[in-house]
Amino acid sequence: MRSEEEVRRELRGWILGKARDLDETSLTGDTALFEERHLRSVHLPELLLLLERLTGAPIDVENLRPGDFRDLDTMIERFHAGGRA
């Protein structure tokens, strides 16, 4: 499994590539990605696949909860650090 820093760096890069209205300085760990419409629902399948690749484990979509993709910090905590979906 990749380190938290590696996962965070790759997720940030992906988010910045999709969210054209964000730049590196405005994307923080608690930026509300979907709520503030930086990302849209069409990005979710690709985001799930990216998280699976980065963490090396499948994500059980049956166990997803509202807010799992709220911001970068939440995704790291939920899918990398310990809360495996």
C-alpha atoms as a PDB file:
ATOM      1  CA  MET A   1       0.000   0.000   0.000  1.00  0.00           C
ATOM      2  CA  ARG A   2       1.161   3.508  -0.749  1.00  0.00           C
ATOM      3  CA  SER A   3       1.922   5.953   2.024  1.00  0.00           C
ATOM      4  CA  GLU A   4      -0.656   8.492   3.077  1.00  0.00           C
ATOM      5  CA  GLU A   5       1.511  11.244   1.609  1.00  0.00           C
ATOM      6  CA  GLU A   6       1.661   9.511  -1.789  1.00  0.00           C
ATOM      7  CA  VAL A   7      -2.092   8.917  -1.845  1.00  0.00           C
ATOM      8  CA  ARG A   8      -2.778  12.512  -0.822  1.00  0.00           C
ATOM      9  CA  ARG A   9      -0.427  13.867  -3.507  1.00  0.00           C
ATOM     10  CA  GLU A  10      -2.002  11.767  -6.279  1.00  0.00           C
ATOM     11  CA  LEU A  11      -5.556  12.599  -5.152  1.00  0.00           C
ATOM     12  CA  ARG A  12      -4.696  16.313  -5.068  1.00  0.00           C
ATOM     13  CA  GLY A  13      -3.322  16.118  -8.586  1.00  0.00           C
ATOM     14  CA  TRP A  14      -6.407  14.315  -9.852  1.00  0.00           C
ATOM     15  CA  ILE A  15      -8.756  16.790  -8.142  1.00  0.00           C
ATOM     16  CA  LEU A  16      -6.850  19.776  -9.547  1.00  0.00           C
ATOM     17  CA  GLY A  17      -7.079  18.239 -13.014  1.00  0.00           C
ATOM     18  CA  LYS A  18     -10.871  17.849 -12.774  1.00  0.00           C
ATOM     19  CA  ALA A  19     -11.779  20.948 -10.757  1.00  0.00           C
ATOM     20  CA  ARG A  20     -10.753  23.691 -13.159  1.00  0.00           C
ATOM     21  CA  ASP A  21     -11.885  26.409 -10.730  1.00  0.00           C
ATOM     22  CA  LEU A  22      -9.391  25.339  -8.050  1.00  0.00           C
ATOM     23  CA  ASP A  23      -5.684  26.046  -7.921  1.00  0.00           C
ATOM     24  CA  GLU A  24      -3.037  24.530  -5.685  1.00  0.00           C
ATOM     25  CA  THR A  25      -3.352  27.235  -3.048  1.00  0.00           C
ATOM     26  CA  SER A  26      -7.147  27.114  -2.787  1.00  0.00           C
ATOM     27  CA  LEU A  27      -7.365  23.306  -2.477  1.00  0.00           C
ATOM     28  CA  THR A  28      -6.969  22.428   1.182  1.00  0.00           C
ATOM     29  CA  GLY A  29      -7.663  19.229   3.038  1.00  0.00           C
ATOM     30  CA  ASP A  30     -11.113  20.447   4.039  1.00  0.00           C
ATOM     31  CA  THR A  31     -12.263  22.044   0.768  1.00  0.00           C
ATOM     32  CA  ALA A  32     -15.822  20.785   0.200  1.00  0.00           C
ATOM     33  CA  LEU A  33     -15.369  19.228  -3.227  1.00  0.00           C
ATOM     34  CA  PHE A  34     -18.891  18.224  -4.228  1.00  0.00           C
ATOM     35  CA  GLU A  35     -20.819  20.615  -1.996  1.00  0.00           C
ATOM     36  CA  GLU A  36     -19.018  23.607  -3.499  1.00  0.00           C
ATOM     37  CA  ARG A  37     -19.358  22.040  -6.979  1.00  0.00           C
ATOM     38  CA  HIS A  38     -15.651  21.730  -7.673  1.00  0.00           C
ATOM     39  CA  LEU A  39     -16.377  18.119  -8.597  1.00  0.00           C
ATOM     40  CA  ARG A  40     -19.609  16.702 -10.017  1.00  0.00           C
ATOM     41  CA  SER A  41     -21.312  13.349  -9.729  1.00  0.00           C
ATOM     42  CA  VAL A  42     -19.896  12.298 -13.111  1.00  0.00           C
ATOM     43  CA  HIS A  43     -16.452  12.325 -11.474  1.00  0.00           C
ATOM     44  CA  LEU A  44     -17.419   9.797  -8.797  1.00  0.00           C
ATOM     45  CA  PRO A  45     -16.861   6.529 -10.742  1.00  0.00           C
ATOM     46  CA  GLU A  46     -13.388   7.630 -11.811  1.00  0.00           C
ATOM     47  CA  LEU A  47     -12.645   8.779  -8.263  1.00  0.00           C
ATOM     48  CA  LEU A  48     -13.673   5.379  -6.870  1.00  0.00           C
ATOM     49  CA  LEU A  49     -11.395   3.585  -9.328  1.00  0.00           C
ATOM     50  CA  LEU A  50      -8.521   5.918  -8.471  1.00  0.00           C
ATOM     51  CA  LEU A  51      -8.959   5.310  -4.745  1.00  0.00           C
ATOM     52  CA  GLU A  52      -9.006   1.559  -5.295  1.00  0.00           C
ATOM     53  CA  ARG A  53      -5.807   1.764  -7.325  1.00  0.00           C
ATOM     54  CA  LEU A  54      -4.071   4.028  -4.814  1.00  0.00           C
ATOM     55  CA  THR A  55      -5.029   1.999  -1.750  1.00  0.00           C
ATOM     56  CA  GLY A  56      -4.673  -1.409  -3.383  1.00  0.00           C
ATOM     57  CA  ALA A  57      -8.047  -2.573  -2.119  1.00  0.00           C
ATOM     58  CA  PRO A  58     -11.561  -2.732  -3.544  1.00  0.00           C
ATOM     59  CA  ILE A  59     -14.187  -0.337  -2.226  1.00  0.00           C
ATOM     60  CA  ASP A  60     -17.502  -1.937  -1.339  1.00  0.00           C
ATOM     61  CA  VAL A  61     -20.033   0.546  -2.675  1.00  0.00           C
ATOM     62  CA  GLU A  62     -22.695  -0.980  -0.412  1.00  0.00           C
ATOM     63  CA  ASN A  63     -20.807   0.471   2.574  1.00  0.00           C
ATOM     64  CA  LEU A  64     -20.414   4.003   1.257  1.00  0.00           C
ATOM     65  CA  ARG A  65     -21.916   6.764   3.378  1.00  0.00           C
ATOM     66  CA  PRO A  66     -22.964  10.320   2.640  1.00  0.00           C
ATOM     67  CA  GLY A  67     -19.943  12.508   3.117  1.00  0.00           C
ATOM     68  CA  ASP A  68     -17.269   9.891   2.320  1.00  0.00           C
ATOM     69  CA  PHE A  69     -16.060  12.106  -0.528  1.00  0.00           C
ATOM     70  CA  ARG A  70     -16.678  15.474   1.123  1.00  0.00           C
ATOM     71  CA  ASP A  71     -13.040  16.589   1.069  1.00  0.00           C
ATOM     72  CA  LEU A  72      -9.502  15.307   0.701  1.00  0.00           C
ATOM     73  CA  ASP A  73      -8.969  14.736   4.434  1.00  0.00           C
ATOM     74  CA  THR A  74     -12.187  12.707   4.717  1.00  0.00           C
ATOM     75  CA  MET A  75     -11.253  10.496   1.763  1.00  0.00           C
ATOM     76  CA  ILE A  76      -7.793   9.825   3.206  1.00  0.00           C
ATOM     77  CA  GLU A  77      -9.261   8.960   6.604  1.00  0.00           C
ATOM     78  CA  ARG A  78     -12.058   6.809   5.195  1.00  0.00           C
ATOM     79  CA  PHE A  79     -10.227   4.892   2.493  1.00  0.00           C
ATOM     80  CA  HIS A  80      -6.552   4.958   3.415  1.00  0.00           C
ATOM     81  CA  ALA A  81      -6.037   5.328   7.119  1.00  0.00           C
ATOM     82  CA  GLY A  82      -8.423   2.767   8.424  1.00  0.00           C
ATOM     83  CA  GLY A  83     -12.037   3.087   7.551  1.00  0.00           C
ATOM     84  CA  ARG A  84     -11.929   0.849   4.470  1.00  0.00           C
ATOM     85  CA  ALA A  85     -15.261   1.019   2.714  1.00  0.00           C
END
